[in-house]
Amino acid sequence: MLLHVRVRPAAHRTRVGGRYPGDAQRGDCLLVAVTARAVEGQANEAVVVALAEALSLSPREVRLVRGHTSRTKVVEVPDDCAPRVDRLLDAG
């Protein structure tokens, strides 16, 4: 499944959960705050690791599809993660 995430790099702590208002096309985004800075892909790597931990997955199962240089990213996760993603969207 494709998941839209909104990233906050250089945060005080890593946190996954909550909604960032989206548009009519993509809907709301999952908020992901990471301590890594948005330099040389560090924040992207941290987002993959944070999402994997939050969804009880291996980092290899989380793939960044679009948005490598944007705060709004599209990641691919296994389809069976939908209930966990819904819980994370409602948290926050």
PDB file of N, CA and C in Angstrom:
ATOM      1  N   MET A   1       0.839  -1.174   0.000  1.00  0.00           N
ATOM      2  CA  MET A   1       0.000   0.000   0.000  1.00  0.00           C
ATOM      3  C   MET A   1       0.882   1.234   0.000  1.00  0.00           C
ATOM      4  N   LEU A   2       0.386   2.285  -0.651  1.00  0.00           N
ATOM      5  CA  LEU A   2       1.113   3.547  -0.675  1.00  0.00           C
ATOM      6  C   LEU A   2       0.621   4.429   0.457  1.00  0.00           C
ATOM      7  N   LEU A   3       1.542   5.052   1.126  1.00  0.00           N
ATOM      8  CA  LEU A   3       1.238   5.863   2.291  1.00  0.00           C
ATOM      9  C   LEU A   3       1.888   7.230   2.120  1.00  0.00           C
ATOM     10  N   HIS A   4       1.105   8.284   2.297  1.00  0.00           N
ATOM     11  CA  HIS A   4       1.640   9.651   2.254  1.00  0.00           C
ATOM     12  C   HIS A   4       2.068  10.046   3.659  1.00  0.00           C
ATOM     13  N   VAL A   5       3.288  10.547   3.774  1.00  0.00           N
ATOM     14  CA  VAL A   5       3.795  10.985   5.072  1.00  0.00           C
ATOM     15  C   VAL A   5       4.284  12.426   4.961  1.00  0.00           C
ATOM     16  N   ARG A   6       4.145  13.145   6.043  1.00  0.00           N
ATOM     17  CA  ARG A   6       4.654  14.518   6.149  1.00  0.00           C
ATOM     18  C   ARG A   6       5.780  14.477   7.171  1.00  0.00           C
ATOM     19  N   VAL A   7       6.963  14.870   6.764  1.00  0.00           N
ATOM     20  CA  VAL A   7       8.167  14.731   7.584  1.00  0.00           C
ATOM     21  C   VAL A   7       8.549  16.057   8.222  1.00  0.00           C
ATOM     22  N   ARG A   8       8.920  15.983   9.492  1.00  0.00           N
ATOM     23  CA  ARG A   8       9.495  17.122  10.204  1.00  0.00           C
ATOM     24  C   ARG A   8      10.924  16.745  10.592  1.00  0.00           C
ATOM     25  N   PRO A   9      11.905  17.164   9.766  1.00  0.00           N
ATOM     26  CA  PRO A   9      13.297  16.833  10.089  1.00  0.00           C
ATOM     27  C   PRO A   9      13.823  17.716  11.221  1.00  0.00           C
ATOM     28  N   ALA A  10      14.911  17.298  11.808  1.00  0.00           N
ATOM     29  CA  ALA A  10      15.591  18.039  12.878  1.00  0.00           C
ATOM     30  C   ALA A  10      14.669  18.296  14.070  1.00  0.00           C
ATOM     31  N   ALA A  11      13.805  17.338  14.370  1.00  0.00           N
ATOM     32  CA  ALA A  11      12.911  17.450  15.526  1.00  0.00           C
ATOM     33  C   ALA A  11      13.690  17.104  16.797  1.00  0.00           C
ATOM     34  N   HIS A  12      13.111  17.431  17.934  1.00  0.00           N
ATOM     35  CA  HIS A  12      13.768  17.117  19.213  1.00  0.00           C
ATOM     36  C   HIS A  12      13.794  15.619  19.486  1.00  0.00           C
ATOM     37  N   ARG A  13      12.773  14.920  19.000  1.00  0.00           N
ATOM     38  CA  ARG A  13      12.754  13.463  19.175  1.00  0.00           C
ATOM     39  C   ARG A  13      12.018  12.829  17.999  1.00  0.00           C
ATOM     40  N   THR A  14      12.297  11.562  17.750  1.00  0.00           N
ATOM     41  CA  THR A  14      11.630  10.840  16.680  1.00  0.00           C
ATOM     42  C   THR A  14      10.254  10.419  17.165  1.00  0.00           C
ATOM     43  N   ARG A  15       9.253  10.656  16.309  1.00  0.00           N
ATOM     44  CA  ARG A  15       7.865  10.345  16.674  1.00  0.00           C
ATOM     45  C   ARG A  15       7.079  10.056  15.408  1.00  0.00           C
ATOM     46  N   VAL A  16       6.241   9.032  15.454  1.00  0.00           N
ATOM     47  CA  VAL A  16       5.364   8.683  14.331  1.00  0.00           C
ATOM     48  C   VAL A  16       3.943   8.669  14.850  1.00  0.00           C
ATOM     49  N   GLY A  17       3.090   9.492  14.263  1.00  0.00           N
ATOM     50  CA  GLY A  17       1.681   9.500  14.654  1.00  0.00           C
ATOM     51  C   GLY A  17       1.053  10.860  14.488  1.00  0.00           C
ATOM     52  N   GLY A  18      -0.220  10.839  14.144  1.00  0.00           N
ATOM     53  CA  GLY A  18      -0.976  12.059  13.944  1.00  0.00           C
ATOM     54  C   GLY A  18      -1.238  12.300  12.472  1.00  0.00           C
ATOM     55  N   ARG A  19      -2.061  13.301  12.209  1.00  0.00           N
ATOM     56  CA  ARG A  19      -2.464  13.629  10.834  1.00  0.00           C
ATOM     57  C   ARG A  19      -1.969  15.010  10.436  1.00  0.00           C
ATOM     58  N   TYR A  20      -1.550  15.097   9.189  1.00  0.00           N
ATOM     59  CA  TYR A  20      -1.263  16.378   8.566  1.00  0.00           C
ATOM     60  C   TYR A  20      -2.309  16.536   7.475  1.00  0.00           C
ATOM     61  N   PRO A  21      -3.090  17.622   7.498  1.00  0.00           N
ATOM     62  CA  PRO A  21      -4.170  17.761   6.520  1.00  0.00           C
ATOM     63  C   PRO A  21      -3.638  17.734   5.087  1.00  0.00           C
ATOM     64  N   GLY A  22      -4.243  16.884   4.296  1.00  0.00           N
ATOM     65  CA  GLY A  22      -3.859  16.774   2.893  1.00  0.00           C
ATOM     66  C   GLY A  22      -4.872  17.464   2.009  1.00  0.00           C
ATOM     67  N   ASP A  23      -4.880  17.066   0.767  1.00  0.00           N
ATOM     68  CA  ASP A  23      -5.846  17.627  -0.172  1.00  0.00           C
ATOM     69  C   ASP A  23      -6.852  16.547  -0.570  1.00  0.00           C
ATOM     70  N   ALA A  24      -7.762  16.882  -1.466  1.00  0.00           N
ATOM     71  CA  ALA A  24      -8.814  15.954  -1.864  1.00  0.00           C
ATOM     72  C   ALA A  24      -8.241  14.728  -2.577  1.00  0.00           C
ATOM     73  N   GLN A  25      -7.117  14.886  -3.269  1.00  0.00           N
ATOM     74  CA  GLN A  25      -6.545  13.775  -4.018  1.00  0.00           C
ATOM     75  C   GLN A  25      -5.864  12.751  -3.119  1.00  0.00           C
ATOM     76  N   ARG A  26      -4.996  13.217  -2.232  1.00  0.00           N
ATOM     77  CA  ARG A  26      -4.201  12.258  -1.465  1.00  0.00           C
ATOM     78  C   ARG A  26      -4.728  12.005  -0.057  1.00  0.00           C
ATOM     79  N   GLY A  27      -5.595  12.855   0.449  1.00  0.00           N
ATOM     80  CA  GLY A  27      -6.091  12.682   1.808  1.00  0.00           C
ATOM     81  C   GLY A  27      -5.073  13.141   2.827  1.00  0.00           C
ATOM     82  N   ASP A  28      -5.295  12.780   4.078  1.00  0.00           N
ATOM     83  CA  ASP A  28      -4.387  13.191   5.144  1.00  0.00           C
ATOM     84  C   ASP A  28      -3.087  12.395   5.092  1.00  0.00           C
ATOM     85  N   CYS A  29      -2.023  13.008   5.589  1.00  0.00           N
ATOM     86  CA  CYS A  29      -0.706  12.386   5.641  1.00  0.00           C
ATOM     87  C   CYS A  29      -0.393  11.984   7.081  1.00  0.00           C
ATOM     88  N   LEU A  30       0.376  10.929   7.222  1.00  0.00           N
ATOM     89  CA  LEU A  30       0.868  10.510   8.529  1.00  0.00           C
ATOM     90  C   LEU A  30       2.053  11.396   8.894  1.00  0.00           C
ATOM     91  N   LEU A  31       2.049  11.943  10.110  1.00  0.00           N
ATOM     92  CA  LEU A  31       3.156  12.784  10.568  1.00  0.00           C
ATOM     93  C   LEU A  31       4.318  11.922  11.066  1.00  0.00           C
ATOM     94  N   VAL A  32       5.513  12.266  10.617  1.00  0.00           N
ATOM     95  CA  VAL A  32       6.724  11.580  11.060  1.00  0.00           C
ATOM     96  C   VAL A  32       7.764  12.643  11.389  1.00  0.00           C
ATOM     97  N   ALA A  33       8.157  12.722  12.641  1.00  0.00           N
ATOM     98  CA  ALA A  33       9.214  13.634  13.074  1.00  0.00           C
ATOM     99  C   ALA A  33      10.472  12.808  13.315  1.00  0.00           C
ATOM    100  N   VAL A  34      11.589  13.296  12.796  1.00  0.00           N
ATOM    101  CA  VAL A  34      12.864  12.592  12.975  1.00  0.00           C
ATOM    102  C   VAL A  34      13.930  13.587  13.444  1.00  0.00           C
ATOM    103  N   THR A  35      14.887  13.102  14.193  1.00  0.00           N
ATOM    104  CA  THR A  35      15.942  13.969  14.705  1.00  0.00           C
ATOM    105  C   THR A  35      16.993  14.276  13.641  1.00  0.00           C
ATOM    106  N   ALA A  36      17.057  13.451  12.606  1.00  0.00           N
ATOM    107  CA  ALA A  36      18.049  13.656  11.543  1.00  0.00           C
ATOM    108  C   ALA A  36      17.727  14.918  10.747  1.00  0.00           C
ATOM    109  N   ARG A  37      18.768  15.565  10.271  1.00  0.00           N
ATOM    110  CA  ARG A  37      18.609  16.759   9.449  1.00  0.00           C
ATOM    111  C   ARG A  37      18.378  16.341   7.990  1.00  0.00           C
ATOM    112  N   ALA A  38      17.778  17.231   7.239  1.00  0.00           N
ATOM    113  CA  ALA A  38      17.491  16.976   5.828  1.00  0.00           C
ATOM    114  C   ALA A  38      18.735  17.281   4.987  1.00  0.00           C
ATOM    115  N   VAL A  39      19.795  16.533   5.243  1.00  0.00           N
ATOM    116  CA  VAL A  39      21.064  16.722   4.548  1.00  0.00           C
ATOM    117  C   VAL A  39      21.534  15.369   4.031  1.00  0.00           C
ATOM    118  N   GLU A  40      21.821  15.308   2.742  1.00  0.00           N
ATOM    119  CA  GLU A  40      22.380  14.106   2.120  1.00  0.00           C
ATOM    120  C   GLU A  40      21.563  12.848   2.403  1.00  0.00           C
ATOM    121  N   GLY A  41      20.254  12.968   2.442  1.00  0.00           N
ATOM    122  CA  GLY A  41      19.387  11.807   2.600  1.00  0.00           C
ATOM    123  C   GLY A  41      19.270  11.264   4.016  1.00  0.00           C
ATOM    124  N   GLN A  42      19.859  11.942   4.987  1.00  0.00           N
ATOM    125  CA  GLN A  42      19.820  11.450   6.367  1.00  0.00           C
ATOM    126  C   GLN A  42      18.393  11.375   6.901  1.00  0.00           C
ATOM    127  N   ALA A  43      17.598  12.401   6.631  1.00  0.00           N
ATOM    128  CA  ALA A  43      16.217  12.405   7.113  1.00  0.00           C
ATOM    129  C   ALA A  43      15.408  11.303   6.428  1.00  0.00           C
ATOM    130  N   ASN A  44      15.638  11.075   5.141  1.00  0.00           N
ATOM    131  CA  ASN A  44      14.922  10.008   4.435  1.00  0.00           C
ATOM    132  C   ASN A  44      15.204   8.648   5.060  1.00  0.00           C
ATOM    133  N   GLU A  45      16.461   8.391   5.352  1.00  0.00           N
ATOM    134  CA  GLU A  45      16.825   7.124   5.997  1.00  0.00           C
ATOM    135  C   GLU A  45      16.168   7.007   7.369  1.00  0.00           C
ATOM    136  N   ALA A  46      16.151   8.100   8.117  1.00  0.00           N
ATOM    137  CA  ALA A  46      15.547   8.083   9.449  1.00  0.00           C
ATOM    138  C   ALA A  46      14.033   7.857   9.363  1.00  0.00           C
ATOM    139  N   VAL A  47      13.394   8.406   8.341  1.00  0.00           N
ATOM    140  CA  VAL A  47      11.957   8.198   8.157  1.00  0.00           C
ATOM    141  C   VAL A  47      11.661   6.725   7.908  1.00  0.00           C
ATOM    142  N   VAL A  48      12.443   6.093   7.064  1.00  0.00           N
ATOM    143  CA  VAL A  48      12.244   4.672   6.763  1.00  0.00           C
ATOM    144  C   VAL A  48      12.395   3.837   8.034  1.00  0.00           C
ATOM    145  N   VAL A  49      13.419   4.117   8.813  1.00  0.00           N
ATOM    146  CA  VAL A  49      13.659   3.366  10.057  1.00  0.00           C
ATOM    147  C   VAL A  49      12.529   3.621  11.057  1.00  0.00           C
ATOM    148  N   ALA A  50      12.113   4.873  11.216  1.00  0.00           N
ATOM    149  CA  ALA A  50      11.052   5.214  12.169  1.00  0.00           C
ATOM    150  C   ALA A  50       9.735   4.555  11.777  1.00  0.00           C
ATOM    151  N   LEU A  51       9.390   4.590  10.501  1.00  0.00           N
ATOM    152  CA  LEU A  51       8.151   3.945  10.043  1.00  0.00           C
ATOM    153  C   LEU A  51       8.213   2.434  10.244  1.00  0.00           C
ATOM    154  N   ALA A  52       9.364   1.856   9.924  1.00  0.00           N
ATOM    155  CA  ALA A  52       9.521   0.411  10.107  1.00  0.00           C
ATOM    156  C   ALA A  52       9.308   0.023  11.568  1.00  0.00           C
ATOM    157  N   GLU A  53       9.901   0.766  12.483  1.00  0.00           N
ATOM    158  CA  GLU A  53       9.723   0.469  13.907  1.00  0.00           C
ATOM    159  C   GLU A  53       8.273   0.648  14.333  1.00  0.00           C
ATOM    160  N   ALA A  54       7.642   1.730  13.898  1.00  0.00           N
ATOM    161  CA  ALA A  54       6.259   2.013  14.292  1.00  0.00           C
ATOM    162  C   ALA A  54       5.283   0.969  13.752  1.00  0.00           C
ATOM    163  N   LEU A  55       5.611   0.387  12.605  1.00  0.00           N
ATOM    164  CA  LEU A  55       4.714  -0.597  11.982  1.00  0.00           C
ATOM    165  C   LEU A  55       5.165  -2.032  12.221  1.00  0.00           C
ATOM    166  N   SER A  56       6.177  -2.213  13.061  1.00  0.00           N
ATOM    167  CA  SER A  56       6.735  -3.541  13.367  1.00  0.00           C
ATOM    168  C   SER A  56       7.193  -4.258  12.103  1.00  0.00           C
ATOM    169  N   LEU A  57       7.948  -3.541  11.286  1.00  0.00           N
ATOM    170  CA  LEU A  57       8.465  -4.083  10.036  1.00  0.00           C
ATOM    171  C   LEU A  57       9.982  -3.992  10.028  1.00  0.00           C
ATOM    172  N   SER A  58      10.570  -4.660   9.070  1.00  0.00           N
ATOM    173  CA  SER A  58      11.987  -4.486   8.801  1.00  0.00           C
ATOM    174  C   SER A  58      12.138  -3.249   7.911  1.00  0.00           C
ATOM    175  N   PRO A  59      13.209  -2.488   8.061  1.00  0.00           N
ATOM    176  CA  PRO A  59      13.400  -1.333   7.183  1.00  0.00           C
ATOM    177  C   PRO A  59      13.390  -1.699   5.690  1.00  0.00           C
ATOM    178  N   ARG A  60      13.733  -2.942   5.364  1.00  0.00           N
ATOM    179  CA  ARG A  60      13.700  -3.368   3.960  1.00  0.00           C
ATOM    180  C   ARG A  60      12.279  -3.430   3.412  1.00  0.00           C
ATOM    181  N   GLU A  61      11.279  -3.514   4.296  1.00  0.00           N
ATOM    182  CA  GLU A  61       9.887  -3.592   3.864  1.00  0.00           C
ATOM    183  C   GLU A  61       9.250  -2.217   3.650  1.00  0.00           C
ATOM    184  N   VAL A  62       9.976  -1.159   3.962  1.00  0.00           N
ATOM    185  CA  VAL A  62       9.489   0.214   3.778  1.00  0.00           C
ATOM    186  C   VAL A  62      10.324   0.838   2.667  1.00  0.00           C
ATOM    187  N   ARG A  63       9.649   1.280   1.604  1.00  0.00           N
ATOM    188  CA  ARG A  63      10.367   1.811   0.442  1.00  0.00           C
ATOM    189  C   ARG A  63       9.893   3.222   0.127  1.00  0.00           C
ATOM    190  N   LEU A  64      10.829   4.147   0.050  1.00  0.00           N
ATOM    191  CA  LEU A  64      10.517   5.521  -0.333  1.00  0.00           C
ATOM    192  C   LEU A  64      10.298   5.555  -1.843  1.00  0.00           C
ATOM    193  N   VAL A  65       9.070   5.939  -2.254  1.00  0.00           N
ATOM    194  CA  VAL A  65       8.702   5.917  -3.667  1.00  0.00           C
ATOM    195  C   VAL A  65       8.869   7.289  -4.311  1.00  0.00           C
ATOM    196  N   ARG A  66       8.357   8.330  -3.649  1.00  0.00           N
ATOM    197  CA  ARG A  66       8.416   9.691  -4.191  1.00  0.00           C
ATOM    198  C   ARG A  66       8.666  10.681  -3.068  1.00  0.00           C
ATOM    199  N   GLY A  67       9.206  11.835  -3.442  1.00  0.00           N
ATOM    200  CA  GLY A  67       9.384  12.912  -2.482  1.00  0.00           C
ATOM    201  C   GLY A  67      10.727  12.919  -1.801  1.00  0.00           C
ATOM    202  N   HIS A  68      11.756  12.455  -2.480  1.00  0.00           N
ATOM    203  CA  HIS A  68      13.080  12.385  -1.861  1.00  0.00           C
ATOM    204  C   HIS A  68      13.576  13.733  -1.362  1.00  0.00           C
ATOM    205  N   THR A  69      13.154  14.821  -1.991  1.00  0.00           N
ATOM    206  CA  THR A  69      13.613  16.153  -1.580  1.00  0.00           C
ATOM    207  C   THR A  69      12.472  17.005  -1.029  1.00  0.00           C
ATOM    208  N   SER A  70      11.341  16.402  -0.775  1.00  0.00           N
ATOM    209  CA  SER A  70      10.167  17.114  -0.285  1.00  0.00           C
ATOM    210  C   SER A  70       9.843  16.672   1.134  1.00  0.00           C
ATOM    211  N   ARG A  71       9.115  17.504   1.865  1.00  0.00           N
ATOM    212  CA  ARG A  71       8.663  17.105   3.205  1.00  0.00           C
ATOM    213  C   ARG A  71       7.491  16.137   3.125  1.00  0.00           C
ATOM    214  N   THR A  72       6.749  16.181   2.025  1.00  0.00           N
ATOM    215  CA  THR A  72       5.661  15.231   1.816  1.00  0.00           C
ATOM    216  C   THR A  72       6.196  14.111   0.940  1.00  0.00           C
ATOM    217  N   LYS A  73       6.146  12.901   1.452  1.00  0.00           N
ATOM    218  CA  LYS A  73       6.734  11.753   0.767  1.00  0.00           C
ATOM    219  C   LYS A  73       5.682  10.664   0.580  1.00  0.00           C
ATOM    220  N   VAL A  74       5.936   9.790  -0.369  1.00  0.00           N
ATOM    221  CA  VAL A  74       5.105   8.618  -0.585  1.00  0.00           C
ATOM    222  C   VAL A  74       5.988   7.409  -0.315  1.00  0.00           C
ATOM    223  N   VAL A  75       5.545   6.561   0.604  1.00  0.00           N
ATOM    224  CA  VAL A  75       6.284   5.342   0.915  1.00  0.00           C
ATOM    225  C   VAL A  75       5.383   4.139   0.655  1.00  0.00           C
ATOM    226  N   GLU A  76       6.009   3.045   0.351  1.00  0.00           N
ATOM    227  CA  GLU A  76       5.282   1.802   0.125  1.00  0.00           C
ATOM    228  C   GLU A  76       5.548   0.862   1.297  1.00  0.00           C
ATOM    229  N   VAL A  77       4.454   0.332   1.855  1.00  0.00           N
ATOM    230  CA  VAL A  77       4.536  -0.635   2.943  1.00  0.00           C
ATOM    231  C   VAL A  77       3.625  -1.808   2.584  1.00  0.00           C
ATOM    232  N   PRO A  78       3.790  -2.964   3.208  1.00  0.00           N
ATOM    233  CA  PRO A  78       2.920  -4.101   2.914  1.00  0.00           C
ATOM    234  C   PRO A  78       1.442  -3.770   3.175  1.00  0.00           C
ATOM    235  N   ASP A  79       0.569  -4.353   2.377  1.00  0.00           N
ATOM    236  CA  ASP A  79      -0.870  -4.093   2.481  1.00  0.00           C
ATOM    237  C   ASP A  79      -1.451  -4.445   3.846  1.00  0.00           C
ATOM    238  N   ASP A  80      -0.900  -5.433   4.508  1.00  0.00           N
ATOM    239  CA  ASP A  80      -1.466  -5.849   5.797  1.00  0.00           C
ATOM    240  C   ASP A  80      -1.169  -4.862   6.925  1.00  0.00           C
ATOM    241  N   CYS A  81      -0.494  -3.763   6.634  1.00  0.00           N
ATOM    242  CA  CYS A  81      -0.201  -2.730   7.633  1.00  0.00           C
ATOM    243  C   CYS A  81      -1.337  -1.724   7.803  1.00  0.00           C
ATOM    244  N   ALA A  82      -2.379  -1.814   6.998  1.00  0.00           N
ATOM    245  CA  ALA A  82      -3.449  -0.813   7.008  1.00  0.00           C
ATOM    246  C   ALA A  82      -4.026  -0.558   8.396  1.00  0.00           C
ATOM    247  N   PRO A  83      -4.350  -1.584   9.202  1.00  0.00           N
ATOM    248  CA  PRO A  83      -4.891  -1.300  10.534  1.00  0.00           C
ATOM    249  C   PRO A  83      -3.904  -0.545  11.432  1.00  0.00           C
ATOM    250  N   ARG A  84      -2.620  -0.878  11.335  1.00  0.00           N
ATOM    251  CA  ARG A  84      -1.608  -0.183  12.144  1.00  0.00           C
ATOM    252  C   ARG A  84      -1.439   1.258  11.680  1.00  0.00           C
ATOM    253  N   VAL A  85      -1.515   1.483  10.366  1.00  0.00           N
ATOM    254  CA  VAL A  85      -1.419   2.842   9.832  1.00  0.00           C
ATOM    255  C   VAL A  85      -2.596   3.678  10.329  1.00  0.00           C
ATOM    256  N   ASP A  86      -3.802   3.104  10.315  1.00  0.00           N
ATOM    257  CA  ASP A  86      -4.980   3.817  10.808  1.00  0.00           C
ATOM    258  C   ASP A  86      -4.823   4.219  12.275  1.00  0.00           C
ATOM    259  N   ARG A  87      -4.273   3.317  13.088  1.00  0.00           N
ATOM    260  CA  ARG A  87      -4.046   3.633  14.498  1.00  0.00           C
ATOM    261  C   ARG A  87      -3.034   4.771  14.655  1.00  0.00           C
ATOM    262  N   LEU A  88      -1.999   4.760  13.846  1.00  0.00           N
ATOM    263  CA  LEU A  88      -0.994   5.824  13.909  1.00  0.00           C
ATOM    264  C   LEU A  88      -1.573   7.164  13.463  1.00  0.00           C
ATOM    265  N   LEU A  89      -2.425   7.144  12.441  1.00  0.00           N
ATOM    266  CA  LEU A  89      -3.075   8.389  11.996  1.00  0.00           C
ATOM    267  C   LEU A  89      -3.956   8.968  13.087  1.00  0.00           C
ATOM    268  N   ASP A  90      -4.623   8.109  13.849  1.00  0.00           N
ATOM    269  CA  ASP A  90      -5.512   8.565  14.914  1.00  0.00           C
ATOM    270  C   ASP A  90      -4.770   8.970  16.174  1.00  0.00           C
ATOM    271  N   ALA A  91      -3.513   8.542  16.304  1.00  0.00           N
ATOM    272  CA  ALA A  91      -2.709   8.922  17.468  1.00  0.00           C
ATOM    273  C   ALA A  91      -2.209  10.345  17.260  1.00  0.00           C
ATOM    274  N   GLY A  92      -1.997  11.026  18.309  1.00  0.00           N
ATOM    275  CA  GLY A  92      -1.378  12.333  18.145  1.00  0.00           C
ATOM    276  C   GLY A  92      -2.201  13.406  18.651  1.00  0.00           C
TER     277      GLY A  92
END
